[in-house]
């Protein structure tokens, strides 16, 4: 991993001494932090989009169940199925700790 840090320094034309080694390591830490923050934000956006889709499907299914007399089984299955998914969806929310632990593991491999 020190070769990776040296490569980052050589791209930035930084002299290879102890102070520059620390600044290169800090730059690498910032890059790793940014990577995991972007991954977390992307997963949270997917989770929110999924919740919005489930909410719309729940409302549509329950309205169809209430208003439509002939297709109650189909619309009821869709409405109540989506409602049950909405109830359990907070358990599948991406956890920031998981990303922080993976980031720390990657940073510890470098040091």
PDB file of N, CA and C in Angstrom:
ATOM      1  N   UNK A   1       0.808  -1.193   0.000  1.00  0.00           N
ATOM      2  CA  UNK A   1       0.000   0.000   0.000  1.00  0.00           C
ATOM      3  C   UNK A   1       0.854   1.262   0.000  1.00  0.00           C
ATOM      4  N   UNK A   2       2.070   1.168   0.513  1.00  0.00           N
ATOM      5  CA  UNK A   2       2.919   2.357   0.493  1.00  0.00           C
ATOM      6  C   UNK A   2       3.274   2.736  -0.936  1.00  0.00           C
ATOM      7  N   UNK A   3       3.319   1.750  -1.840  1.00  0.00           N
ATOM      8  CA  UNK A   3       3.574   2.079  -3.242  1.00  0.00           C
ATOM      9  C   UNK A   3       2.417   2.881  -3.814  1.00  0.00           C
ATOM     10  N   UNK A   4       1.186   2.575  -3.366  1.00  0.00           N
ATOM     11  CA  UNK A   4       0.037   3.349  -3.806  1.00  0.00           C
ATOM     12  C   UNK A   4       0.143   4.783  -3.326  1.00  0.00           C
ATOM     13  N   UNK A   5       0.563   4.970  -2.083  1.00  0.00           N
ATOM     14  CA  UNK A   5       0.737   6.317  -1.543  1.00  0.00           C
ATOM     15  C   UNK A   5       1.843   7.044  -2.295  1.00  0.00           C
ATOM     16  N   UNK A   6       2.927   6.356  -2.606  1.00  0.00           N
ATOM     17  CA  UNK A   6       4.009   6.982  -3.364  1.00  0.00           C
ATOM     18  C   UNK A   6       3.554   7.356  -4.766  1.00  0.00           C
ATOM     19  N   UNK A   7       2.704   6.527  -5.375  1.00  0.00           N
ATOM     20  CA  UNK A   7       2.184   6.851  -6.698  1.00  0.00           C
ATOM     21  C   UNK A   7       1.314   8.096  -6.660  1.00  0.00           C
ATOM     22  N   UNK A   8       0.523   8.245  -5.608  1.00  0.00           N
ATOM     23  CA  UNK A   8      -0.288   9.452  -5.470  1.00  0.00           C
ATOM     24  C   UNK A   8       0.625  10.664  -5.357  1.00  0.00           C
ATOM     25  N   UNK A   9       1.698  10.534  -4.596  1.00  0.00           N
ATOM     26  CA  UNK A   9       2.642  11.639  -4.437  1.00  0.00           C
ATOM     27  C   UNK A   9       3.358  11.963  -5.725  1.00  0.00           C
ATOM     28  N   UNK A  10       3.722  10.951  -6.507  1.00  0.00           N
ATOM     29  CA  UNK A  10       4.440  11.219  -7.749  1.00  0.00           C
ATOM     30  C   UNK A  10       3.538  11.887  -8.771  1.00  0.00           C
ATOM     31  N   UNK A  11       2.246  11.612  -8.730  1.00  0.00           N
ATOM     32  CA  UNK A  11       1.316  12.273  -9.646  1.00  0.00           C
ATOM     33  C   UNK A  11       1.168  13.750  -9.300  1.00  0.00           C
ATOM     34  N   UNK A  12       1.308  14.077  -8.037  1.00  0.00           N
ATOM     35  CA  UNK A  12       1.155  15.463  -7.598  1.00  0.00           C
ATOM     36  C   UNK A  12       2.485  16.189  -7.503  1.00  0.00           C
ATOM     37  N   UNK A  13       3.580  15.568  -7.946  1.00  0.00           N
ATOM     38  CA  UNK A  13       4.918  16.157  -7.911  1.00  0.00           C
ATOM     39  C   UNK A  13       5.309  16.620  -6.513  1.00  0.00           C
ATOM     40  N   UNK A  14       5.059  15.783  -5.539  1.00  0.00           N
ATOM     41  CA  UNK A  14       5.393  16.097  -4.155  1.00  0.00           C
ATOM     42  C   UNK A  14       6.718  15.421  -3.831  1.00  0.00           C
ATOM     43  N   UNK A  15       7.669  16.137  -3.222  1.00  0.00           N
ATOM     44  CA  UNK A  15       8.927  15.486  -2.855  1.00  0.00           C
ATOM     45  C   UNK A  15       8.680  14.369  -1.848  1.00  0.00           C
ATOM     46  N   UNK A  16       9.529  13.353  -1.894  1.00  0.00           N
ATOM     47  CA  UNK A  16       9.311  12.157  -1.081  1.00  0.00           C
ATOM     48  C   UNK A  16      10.057  12.279   0.244  1.00  0.00           C
ATOM     49  N   UNK A  17       9.497  13.011   1.188  1.00  0.00           N
ATOM     50  CA  UNK A  17      10.037  13.065   2.541  1.00  0.00           C
ATOM     51  C   UNK A  17       8.915  12.753   3.522  1.00  0.00           C
ATOM     52  N   UNK A  18       9.198  12.808   4.810  1.00  0.00           N
ATOM     53  CA  UNK A  18       8.224  12.372   5.805  1.00  0.00           C
ATOM     54  C   UNK A  18       6.985  13.261   5.828  1.00  0.00           C
ATOM     55  N   UNK A  19       7.163  14.586   5.714  1.00  0.00           N
ATOM     56  CA  UNK A  19       6.004  15.477   5.735  1.00  0.00           C
ATOM     57  C   UNK A  19       5.112  15.245   4.530  1.00  0.00           C
ATOM     58  N   UNK A  20       5.728  15.071   3.371  1.00  0.00           N
ATOM     59  CA  UNK A  20       4.911  14.827   2.184  1.00  0.00           C
ATOM     60  C   UNK A  20       4.238  13.461   2.265  1.00  0.00           C
ATOM     61  N   UNK A  21       4.879  12.510   2.908  1.00  0.00           N
ATOM     62  CA  UNK A  21       4.275  11.186   3.092  1.00  0.00           C
ATOM     63  C   UNK A  21       2.994  11.310   3.922  1.00  0.00           C
ATOM     64  N   UNK A  22       3.023  12.159   4.956  1.00  0.00           N
ATOM     65  CA  UNK A  22       1.832  12.366   5.782  1.00  0.00           C
ATOM     66  C   UNK A  22       0.734  13.055   4.993  1.00  0.00           C
ATOM     67  N   UNK A  23       1.104  14.050   4.181  1.00  0.00           N
ATOM     68  CA  UNK A  23       0.075  14.737   3.396  1.00  0.00           C
ATOM     69  C   UNK A  23      -0.513  13.806   2.347  1.00  0.00           C
ATOM     70  N   UNK A  24       0.309  12.949   1.777  1.00  0.00           N
ATOM     71  CA  UNK A  24      -0.194  11.989   0.795  1.00  0.00           C
ATOM     72  C   UNK A  24      -1.140  11.004   1.472  1.00  0.00           C
ATOM     73  N   UNK A  25      -0.783  10.576   2.671  1.00  0.00           N
ATOM     74  CA  UNK A  25      -1.644   9.649   3.396  1.00  0.00           C
ATOM     75  C   UNK A  25      -2.970  10.322   3.748  1.00  0.00           C
ATOM     76  N   UNK A  26      -2.929  11.596   4.110  1.00  0.00           N
ATOM     77  CA  UNK A  26      -4.173  12.314   4.404  1.00  0.00           C
ATOM     78  C   UNK A  26      -5.027  12.454   3.152  1.00  0.00           C
ATOM     79  N   UNK A  27      -4.375  12.699   2.003  1.00  0.00           N
ATOM     80  CA  UNK A  27      -5.126  12.776   0.750  1.00  0.00           C
ATOM     81  C   UNK A  27      -5.780  11.433   0.442  1.00  0.00           C
ATOM     82  N   UNK A  28      -5.034  10.361   0.676  1.00  0.00           N
ATOM     83  CA  UNK A  28      -5.582   9.025   0.441  1.00  0.00           C
ATOM     84  C   UNK A  28      -6.767   8.765   1.373  1.00  0.00           C
ATOM     85  N   UNK A  29      -6.647   9.168   2.634  1.00  0.00           N
ATOM     86  CA  UNK A  29      -7.756   9.005   3.579  1.00  0.00           C
ATOM     87  C   UNK A  29      -8.976   9.782   3.112  1.00  0.00           C
ATOM     88  N   UNK A  30      -8.761  10.989   2.603  1.00  0.00           N
ATOM     89  CA  UNK A  30      -9.883  11.788   2.107  1.00  0.00           C
ATOM     90  C   UNK A  30     -10.546  11.126   0.907  1.00  0.00           C
ATOM     91  N   UNK A  31      -9.733  10.541   0.022  1.00  0.00           N
ATOM     92  CA  UNK A  31     -10.287   9.849  -1.145  1.00  0.00           C
ATOM     93  C   UNK A  31     -11.119   8.648  -0.703  1.00  0.00           C
ATOM     94  N   UNK A  32     -10.607   7.895   0.260  1.00  0.00           N
ATOM     95  CA  UNK A  32     -11.333   6.716   0.752  1.00  0.00           C
ATOM     96  C   UNK A  32     -12.619   7.150   1.449  1.00  0.00           C
ATOM     97  N   UNK A  33     -12.550   8.188   2.259  1.00  0.00           N
ATOM     98  CA  UNK A  33     -13.758   8.686   2.938  1.00  0.00           C
ATOM     99  C   UNK A  33     -14.803   9.137   1.927  1.00  0.00           C
ATOM    100  N   UNK A  34     -14.360   9.841   0.906  1.00  0.00           N
ATOM    101  CA  UNK A  34     -15.284  10.324  -0.112  1.00  0.00           C
ATOM    102  C   UNK A  34     -15.938   9.153  -0.846  1.00  0.00           C
ATOM    103  N   UNK A  35     -15.163   8.106  -1.120  1.00  0.00           N
ATOM    104  CA  UNK A  35     -15.698   6.932  -1.814  1.00  0.00           C
ATOM    105  C   UNK A  35     -16.808   6.278  -0.996  1.00  0.00           C
ATOM    106  N   UNK A  36     -16.571   6.098   0.303  1.00  0.00           N
ATOM    107  CA  UNK A  36     -17.575   5.437   1.131  1.00  0.00           C
ATOM    108  C   UNK A  36     -18.767   6.352   1.411  1.00  0.00           C
ATOM    109  N   UNK A  37     -18.546   7.652   1.508  1.00  0.00           N
ATOM    110  CA  UNK A  37     -19.668   8.576   1.680  1.00  0.00           C
ATOM    111  C   UNK A  37     -20.570   8.577   0.454  1.00  0.00           C
ATOM    112  N   UNK A  38     -19.964   8.557  -0.733  1.00  0.00           N
ATOM    113  CA  UNK A  38     -20.759   8.519  -1.959  1.00  0.00           C
ATOM    114  C   UNK A  38     -21.523   7.206  -2.078  1.00  0.00           C
ATOM    115  N   UNK A  39     -20.905   6.113  -1.670  1.00  0.00           N
ATOM    116  CA  UNK A  39     -21.592   4.816  -1.708  1.00  0.00           C
ATOM    117  C   UNK A  39     -22.786   4.816  -0.758  1.00  0.00           C
ATOM    118  N   UNK A  40     -22.603   5.385   0.433  1.00  0.00           N
ATOM    119  CA  UNK A  40     -23.703   5.444   1.405  1.00  0.00           C
ATOM    120  C   UNK A  40     -24.834   6.334   0.892  1.00  0.00           C
ATOM    121  N   UNK A  41     -24.474   7.491   0.343  1.00  0.00           N
ATOM    122  CA  UNK A  41     -25.506   8.394  -0.184  1.00  0.00           C
ATOM    123  C   UNK A  41     -26.267   7.749  -1.333  1.00  0.00           C
ATOM    124  N   UNK A  42     -25.562   7.024  -2.191  1.00  0.00           N
ATOM    125  CA  UNK A  42     -26.226   6.333  -3.295  1.00  0.00           C
ATOM    126  C   UNK A  42     -27.184   5.262  -2.808  1.00  0.00           C
ATOM    127  N   UNK A  43     -26.764   4.491  -1.813  1.00  0.00           N
ATOM    128  CA  UNK A  43     -27.636   3.453  -1.267  1.00  0.00           C
ATOM    129  C   UNK A  43     -28.839   4.052  -0.539  1.00  0.00           C
ATOM    130  N   UNK A  44     -28.635   5.171   0.149  1.00  0.00           N
ATOM    131  CA  UNK A  44     -29.768   5.835   0.809  1.00  0.00           C
ATOM    132  C   UNK A  44     -30.755   6.374  -0.227  1.00  0.00           C
ATOM    133  N   UNK A  45     -30.244   6.883  -1.341  1.00  0.00           N
ATOM    134  CA  UNK A  45     -31.125   7.382  -2.394  1.00  0.00           C
ATOM    135  C   UNK A  45     -31.950   6.233  -2.980  1.00  0.00           C
ATOM    136  N   UNK A  46     -31.321   5.078  -3.180  1.00  0.00           N
ATOM    137  CA  UNK A  46     -32.054   3.908  -3.674  1.00  0.00           C
ATOM    138  C   UNK A  46     -33.119   3.478  -2.673  1.00  0.00           C
ATOM    139  N   UNK A  47     -32.784   3.533  -1.383  1.00  0.00           N
ATOM    140  CA  UNK A  47     -33.743   3.150  -0.343  1.00  0.00           C
ATOM    141  C   UNK A  47     -34.942   4.098  -0.349  1.00  0.00           C
ATOM    142  N   UNK A  48     -34.680   5.396  -0.457  1.00  0.00           N
ATOM    143  CA  UNK A  48     -35.772   6.376  -0.475  1.00  0.00           C
ATOM    144  C   UNK A  48     -36.637   6.223  -1.716  1.00  0.00           C
ATOM    145  N   UNK A  49     -36.012   5.934  -2.854  1.00  0.00           N
ATOM    146  CA  UNK A  49     -36.776   5.714  -4.079  1.00  0.00           C
ATOM    147  C   UNK A  49     -37.659   4.479  -3.939  1.00  0.00           C
ATOM    148  N   UNK A  50     -37.123   3.436  -3.354  1.00  0.00           N
ATOM    149  CA  UNK A  50     -37.908   2.229  -3.124  1.00  0.00           C
ATOM    150  C   UNK A  50     -39.079   2.476  -2.185  1.00  0.00           C
ATOM    151  N   UNK A  51     -38.858   3.276  -1.153  1.00  0.00           N
ATOM    152  CA  UNK A  51     -39.956   3.609  -0.234  1.00  0.00           C
ATOM    153  C   UNK A  51     -41.048   4.391  -0.945  1.00  0.00           C
ATOM    154  N   UNK A  52     -40.654   5.322  -1.803  1.00  0.00           N
ATOM    155  CA  UNK A  52     -41.645   6.102  -2.546  1.00  0.00           C
ATOM    156  C   UNK A  52     -42.459   5.194  -3.470  1.00  0.00           C
ATOM    157  N   UNK A  53     -41.791   4.277  -4.138  1.00  0.00           N
ATOM    158  CA  UNK A  53     -42.503   3.351  -5.024  1.00  0.00           C
ATOM    159  C   UNK A  53     -43.443   2.448  -4.234  1.00  0.00           C
ATOM    160  N   UNK A  54     -42.989   1.956  -3.093  1.00  0.00           N
ATOM    161  CA  UNK A  54     -43.847   1.119  -2.255  1.00  0.00           C
ATOM    162  C   UNK A  54     -45.053   1.897  -1.741  1.00  0.00           C
ATOM    163  N   UNK A  55     -44.847   3.156  -1.398  1.00  0.00           N
ATOM    164  CA  UNK A  55     -45.951   3.980  -0.904  1.00  0.00           C
ATOM    165  C   UNK A  55     -47.016   4.157  -1.980  1.00  0.00           C
ATOM    166  N   UNK A  56     -46.588   4.450  -3.191  1.00  0.00           N
ATOM    167  CA  UNK A  56     -47.538   4.629  -4.293  1.00  0.00           C
ATOM    168  C   UNK A  56     -48.283   3.327  -4.572  1.00  0.00           C
ATOM    169  N   UNK A  57     -47.556   2.222  -4.593  1.00  0.00           N
ATOM    170  CA  UNK A  57     -48.192   0.928  -4.852  1.00  0.00           C
ATOM    171  C   UNK A  57     -49.162   0.553  -3.725  1.00  0.00           C
ATOM    172  N   UNK A  58     -48.828   0.898  -2.496  1.00  0.00           N
ATOM    173  CA  UNK A  58     -49.717   0.608  -1.370  1.00  0.00           C
ATOM    174  C   UNK A  58     -51.015   1.388  -1.497  1.00  0.00           C
ATOM    175  N   UNK A  59     -50.891   2.676  -1.773  1.00  0.00           N
ATOM    176  CA  UNK A  59     -52.092   3.511  -1.916  1.00  0.00           C
ATOM    177  C   UNK A  59     -52.939   3.022  -3.083  1.00  0.00           C
ATOM    178  N   UNK A  60     -52.301   2.731  -4.207  1.00  0.00           N
ATOM    179  CA  UNK A  60     -53.051   2.260  -5.376  1.00  0.00           C
ATOM    180  C   UNK A  60     -53.743   0.930  -5.083  1.00  0.00           C
ATOM    181  N   UNK A  61     -53.041   0.017  -4.450  1.00  0.00           N
ATOM    182  CA  UNK A  61     -53.629  -1.284  -4.154  1.00  0.00           C
ATOM    183  C   UNK A  61     -54.767  -1.208  -3.159  1.00  0.00           C
ATOM    184  N   UNK A  62     -54.596  -0.404  -2.120  1.00  0.00           N
ATOM    185  CA  UNK A  62     -55.660  -0.298  -1.112  1.00  0.00           C
ATOM    186  C   UNK A  62     -56.875   0.448  -1.651  1.00  0.00           C
ATOM    187  N   UNK A  63     -56.641   1.465  -2.493  1.00  0.00           N
ATOM    188  CA  UNK A  63     -57.776   2.155  -3.121  1.00  0.00           C
ATOM    189  C   UNK A  63     -58.524   1.218  -4.067  1.00  0.00           C
ATOM    190  N   UNK A  64     -57.782   0.460  -4.844  1.00  0.00           N
ATOM    191  CA  UNK A  64     -58.429  -0.492  -5.748  1.00  0.00           C
ATOM    192  C   UNK A  64     -59.183  -1.553  -4.952  1.00  0.00           C
ATOM    193  N   UNK A  65     -58.633  -1.977  -3.843  1.00  0.00           N
ATOM    194  CA  UNK A  65     -59.305  -2.955  -2.996  1.00  0.00           C
ATOM    195  C   UNK A  65     -60.612  -2.390  -2.452  1.00  0.00           C
ATOM    196  N   UNK A  66     -60.589  -1.119  -2.055  1.00  0.00           N
ATOM    197  CA  UNK A  66     -61.782  -0.514  -1.471  1.00  0.00           C
ATOM    198  C   UNK A  66     -62.841  -0.189  -2.522  1.00  0.00           C
ATOM    199  N   UNK A  67     -62.419   0.194  -3.715  1.00  0.00           N
ATOM    200  CA  UNK A  67     -63.373   0.680  -4.708  1.00  0.00           C
ATOM    201  C   UNK A  67     -63.808  -0.369  -5.726  1.00  0.00           C
ATOM    202  N   UNK A  68     -62.992  -1.367  -5.972  1.00  0.00           N
ATOM    203  CA  UNK A  68     -63.279  -2.334  -7.022  1.00  0.00           C
ATOM    204  C   UNK A  68     -63.847  -3.609  -6.403  1.00  0.00           C
ATOM    205  N   UNK A  69     -65.034  -3.978  -6.834  1.00  0.00           N
ATOM    206  CA  UNK A  69     -65.690  -5.151  -6.258  1.00  0.00           C
ATOM    207  C   UNK A  69     -65.238  -6.457  -6.915  1.00  0.00           C
ATOM    208  N   UNK A  70     -64.813  -6.403  -8.186  1.00  0.00           N
ATOM    209  CA  UNK A  70     -64.561  -7.651  -8.903  1.00  0.00           C
ATOM    210  C   UNK A  70     -63.143  -8.170  -8.736  1.00  0.00           C
ATOM    211  N   UNK A  71     -62.182  -7.322  -8.615  1.00  0.00           N
ATOM    212  CA  UNK A  71     -60.781  -7.762  -8.544  1.00  0.00           C
ATOM    213  C   UNK A  71     -60.196  -7.532  -7.148  1.00  0.00           C
ATOM    214  N   UNK A  72     -60.947  -7.837  -6.135  1.00  0.00           N
ATOM    215  CA  UNK A  72     -60.488  -7.591  -4.771  1.00  0.00           C
ATOM    216  C   UNK A  72     -59.299  -8.449  -4.384  1.00  0.00           C
ATOM    217  N   UNK A  73     -59.256  -9.660  -4.844  1.00  0.00           N
ATOM    218  CA  UNK A  73     -58.156 -10.547  -4.472  1.00  0.00           C
ATOM    219  C   UNK A  73     -56.834 -10.016  -5.011  1.00  0.00           C
ATOM    220  N   UNK A  74     -56.819  -9.638  -6.279  1.00  0.00           N
ATOM    221  CA  UNK A  74     -55.595  -9.141  -6.898  1.00  0.00           C
ATOM    222  C   UNK A  74     -55.164  -7.808  -6.293  1.00  0.00           C
ATOM    223  N   UNK A  75     -56.090  -6.864  -6.209  1.00  0.00           N
ATOM    224  CA  UNK A  75     -55.724  -5.547  -5.678  1.00  0.00           C
ATOM    225  C   UNK A  75     -55.441  -5.610  -4.180  1.00  0.00           C
ATOM    226  N   UNK A  76     -56.149  -6.463  -3.466  1.00  0.00           N
ATOM    227  CA  UNK A  76     -55.887  -6.618  -2.041  1.00  0.00           C
ATOM    228  C   UNK A  76     -54.527  -7.227  -1.776  1.00  0.00           C
ATOM    229  N   UNK A  77     -54.155  -8.199  -2.600  1.00  0.00           N
ATOM    230  CA  UNK A  77     -52.827  -8.806  -2.459  1.00  0.00           C
ATOM    231  C   UNK A  77     -51.744  -7.765  -2.695  1.00  0.00           C
ATOM    232  N   UNK A  78     -51.933  -6.952  -3.740  1.00  0.00           N
ATOM    233  CA  UNK A  78     -50.940  -5.918  -4.035  1.00  0.00           C
ATOM    234  C   UNK A  78     -50.894  -4.873  -2.912  1.00  0.00           C
ATOM    235  N   UNK A  79     -52.038  -4.393  -2.491  1.00  0.00           N
ATOM    236  CA  UNK A  79     -52.085  -3.341  -1.479  1.00  0.00           C
ATOM    237  C   UNK A  79     -51.548  -3.777  -0.132  1.00  0.00           C
ATOM    238  N   UNK A  80     -52.026  -4.915   0.347  1.00  0.00           N
ATOM    239  CA  UNK A  80     -51.590  -5.370   1.667  1.00  0.00           C
ATOM    240  C   UNK A  80     -50.166  -5.920   1.639  1.00  0.00           C
ATOM    241  N   UNK A  81     -49.764  -6.472   0.496  1.00  0.00           N
ATOM    242  CA  UNK A  81     -48.373  -6.918   0.357  1.00  0.00           C
ATOM    243  C   UNK A  81     -47.406  -5.751   0.410  1.00  0.00           C
ATOM    244  N   UNK A  82     -47.733  -4.681  -0.305  1.00  0.00           N
ATOM    245  CA  UNK A  82     -46.879  -3.487  -0.275  1.00  0.00           C
ATOM    246  C   UNK A  82     -46.895  -2.837   1.100  1.00  0.00           C
ATOM    247  N   UNK A  83     -48.046  -2.866   1.759  1.00  0.00           N
ATOM    248  CA  UNK A  83     -48.130  -2.297   3.101  1.00  0.00           C
ATOM    249  C   UNK A  83     -47.237  -3.065   4.073  1.00  0.00           C
ATOM    250  N   UNK A  84     -47.229  -4.379   3.960  1.00  0.00           N
ATOM    251  CA  UNK A  84     -46.356  -5.160   4.845  1.00  0.00           C
ATOM    252  C   UNK A  84     -44.887  -4.890   4.531  1.00  0.00           C
ATOM    253  N   UNK A  85     -44.561  -4.679   3.259  1.00  0.00           N
ATOM    254  CA  UNK A  85     -43.177  -4.325   2.906  1.00  0.00           C
ATOM    255  C   UNK A  85     -42.798  -2.963   3.469  1.00  0.00           C
ATOM    256  N   UNK A  86     -43.730  -2.024   3.459  1.00  0.00           N
ATOM    257  CA  UNK A  86     -43.459  -0.706   4.045  1.00  0.00           C
ATOM    258  C   UNK A  86     -43.203  -0.811   5.541  1.00  0.00           C
ATOM    259  N   UNK A  87     -43.906  -1.709   6.194  1.00  0.00           N
ATOM    260  CA  UNK A  87     -43.743  -1.857   7.641  1.00  0.00           C
ATOM    261  C   UNK A  87     -42.364  -2.408   7.987  1.00  0.00           C
ATOM    262  N   UNK A  88     -41.863  -3.361   7.187  1.00  0.00           N
ATOM    263  CA  UNK A  88     -40.571  -3.964   7.516  1.00  0.00           C
ATOM    264  C   UNK A  88     -39.388  -3.272   6.841  1.00  0.00           C
ATOM    265  N   UNK A  89     -39.636  -2.299   5.968  1.00  0.00           N
ATOM    266  CA  UNK A  89     -38.536  -1.664   5.225  1.00  0.00           C
ATOM    267  C   UNK A  89     -37.513  -0.929   6.099  1.00  0.00           C
ATOM    268  N   UNK A  90     -37.864  -0.365   7.254  1.00  0.00           N
ATOM    269  CA  UNK A  90     -36.809   0.277   8.062  1.00  0.00           C
ATOM    270  C   UNK A  90     -35.716  -0.682   8.517  1.00  0.00           C
ATOM    271  N   UNK A  91     -36.023  -1.970   8.574  1.00  0.00           N
ATOM    272  CA  UNK A  91     -35.004  -2.940   8.970  1.00  0.00           C
ATOM    273  C   UNK A  91     -33.961  -3.156   7.882  1.00  0.00           C
ATOM    274  N   UNK A  92     -34.286  -2.778   6.650  1.00  0.00           N
ATOM    275  CA  UNK A  92     -33.368  -2.957   5.529  1.00  0.00           C
ATOM    276  C   UNK A  92     -32.701  -1.662   5.105  1.00  0.00           C
ATOM    277  N   UNK A  93     -32.844  -0.631   5.902  1.00  0.00           N
ATOM    278  CA  UNK A  93     -32.216   0.653   5.605  1.00  0.00           C
ATOM    279  C   UNK A  93     -30.694   0.508   5.698  1.00  0.00           C
ATOM    280  N   UNK A  94     -29.947   1.114   4.749  1.00  0.00           N
ATOM    281  CA  UNK A  94     -28.476   1.041   4.829  1.00  0.00           C
ATOM    282  C   UNK A  94     -27.975   1.689   6.116  1.00  0.00           C
ATOM    283  N   UNK A  95     -27.042   1.031   6.762  1.00  0.00           N
ATOM    284  CA  UNK A  95     -26.527   1.526   8.038  1.00  0.00           C
ATOM    285  C   UNK A  95     -25.176   2.195   7.828  1.00  0.00           C
ATOM    286  N   UNK A  96     -25.049   3.395   8.373  1.00  0.00           N
ATOM    287  CA  UNK A  96     -23.810   4.165   8.236  1.00  0.00           C
ATOM    288  C   UNK A  96     -22.639   3.441   8.894  1.00  0.00           C
ATOM    289  N   UNK A  97     -22.892   2.706   9.974  1.00  0.00           N
ATOM    290  CA  UNK A  97     -21.819   2.007  10.686  1.00  0.00           C
ATOM    291  C   UNK A  97     -21.136   0.973   9.793  1.00  0.00           C
ATOM    292  N   UNK A  98     -21.916   0.326   8.936  1.00  0.00           N
ATOM    293  CA  UNK A  98     -21.343  -0.670   8.035  1.00  0.00           C
ATOM    294  C   UNK A  98     -20.319  -0.018   7.103  1.00  0.00           C
ATOM    295  N   UNK A  99     -20.646   1.147   6.582  1.00  0.00           N
ATOM    296  CA  UNK A  99     -19.733   1.855   5.685  1.00  0.00           C
ATOM    297  C   UNK A  99     -18.522   2.391   6.447  1.00  0.00           C
ATOM    298  N   UNK A 100     -18.763   2.878   7.665  1.00  0.00           N
ATOM    299  CA  UNK A 100     -17.644   3.379   8.472  1.00  0.00           C
ATOM    300  C   UNK A 100     -16.671   2.255   8.834  1.00  0.00           C
ATOM    301  N   UNK A 101     -17.203   1.084   9.168  1.00  0.00           N
ATOM    302  CA  UNK A 101     -16.328  -0.048   9.501  1.00  0.00           C
ATOM    303  C   UNK A 101     -15.513  -0.501   8.295  1.00  0.00           C
ATOM    304  N   UNK A 102     -16.135  -0.533   7.131  1.00  0.00           N
ATOM    305  CA  UNK A 102     -15.407  -0.923   5.920  1.00  0.00           C
ATOM    306  C   UNK A 102     -14.335   0.107   5.581  1.00  0.00           C
ATOM    307  N   UNK A 103     -14.651   1.390   5.796  1.00  0.00           N
ATOM    308  CA  UNK A 103     -13.677   2.447   5.535  1.00  0.00           C
ATOM    309  C   UNK A 103     -12.498   2.331   6.492  1.00  0.00           C
ATOM    310  N   UNK A 104     -12.756   2.104   7.771  1.00  0.00           N
ATOM    311  CA  UNK A 104     -11.678   1.957   8.742  1.00  0.00           C
ATOM    312  C   UNK A 104     -10.817   0.738   8.432  1.00  0.00           C
ATOM    313  N   UNK A 105     -11.444  -0.330   7.981  1.00  0.00           N
ATOM    314  CA  UNK A 105     -10.688  -1.530   7.622  1.00  0.00           C
ATOM    315  C   UNK A 105      -9.748  -1.234   6.457  1.00  0.00           C
ATOM    316  N   UNK A 106     -10.248  -0.514   5.466  1.00  0.00           N
ATOM    317  CA  UNK A 106      -9.402  -0.172   4.317  1.00  0.00           C
ATOM    318  C   UNK A 106      -8.282   0.785   4.719  1.00  0.00           C
ATOM    319  N   UNK A 107      -8.583   1.742   5.592  1.00  0.00           N
ATOM    320  CA  UNK A 107      -7.548   2.677   6.039  1.00  0.00           C
ATOM    321  C   UNK A 107      -6.506   1.980   6.906  1.00  0.00           C
ATOM    322  N   UNK A 108      -6.910   1.012   7.711  1.00  0.00           N
ATOM    323  CA  UNK A 108      -5.959   0.280   8.552  1.00  0.00           C
ATOM    324  C   UNK A 108      -5.035  -0.608   7.729  1.00  0.00           C
ATOM    325  N   UNK A 109      -5.504  -1.071   6.581  1.00  0.00           N
ATOM    326  CA  UNK A 109      -4.648  -1.873   5.708  1.00  0.00           C
ATOM    327  C   UNK A 109      -3.496  -1.045   5.157  1.00  0.00           C
ATOM    328  N   UNK A 110      -3.731   0.246   4.959  1.00  0.00           N
ATOM    329  CA  UNK A 110      -2.697   1.123   4.405  1.00  0.00           C
ATOM    330  C   UNK A 110      -1.641   1.420   5.449  1.00  0.00           C
ATOM    331  N   UNK A 111      -2.066   1.675   6.674  1.00  0.00           N
ATOM    332  CA  UNK A 111      -1.146   2.048   7.751  1.00  0.00           C
ATOM    333  C   UNK A 111      -0.409   0.862   8.219  1.00  0.00           C
TER     334      UNK A 111
END
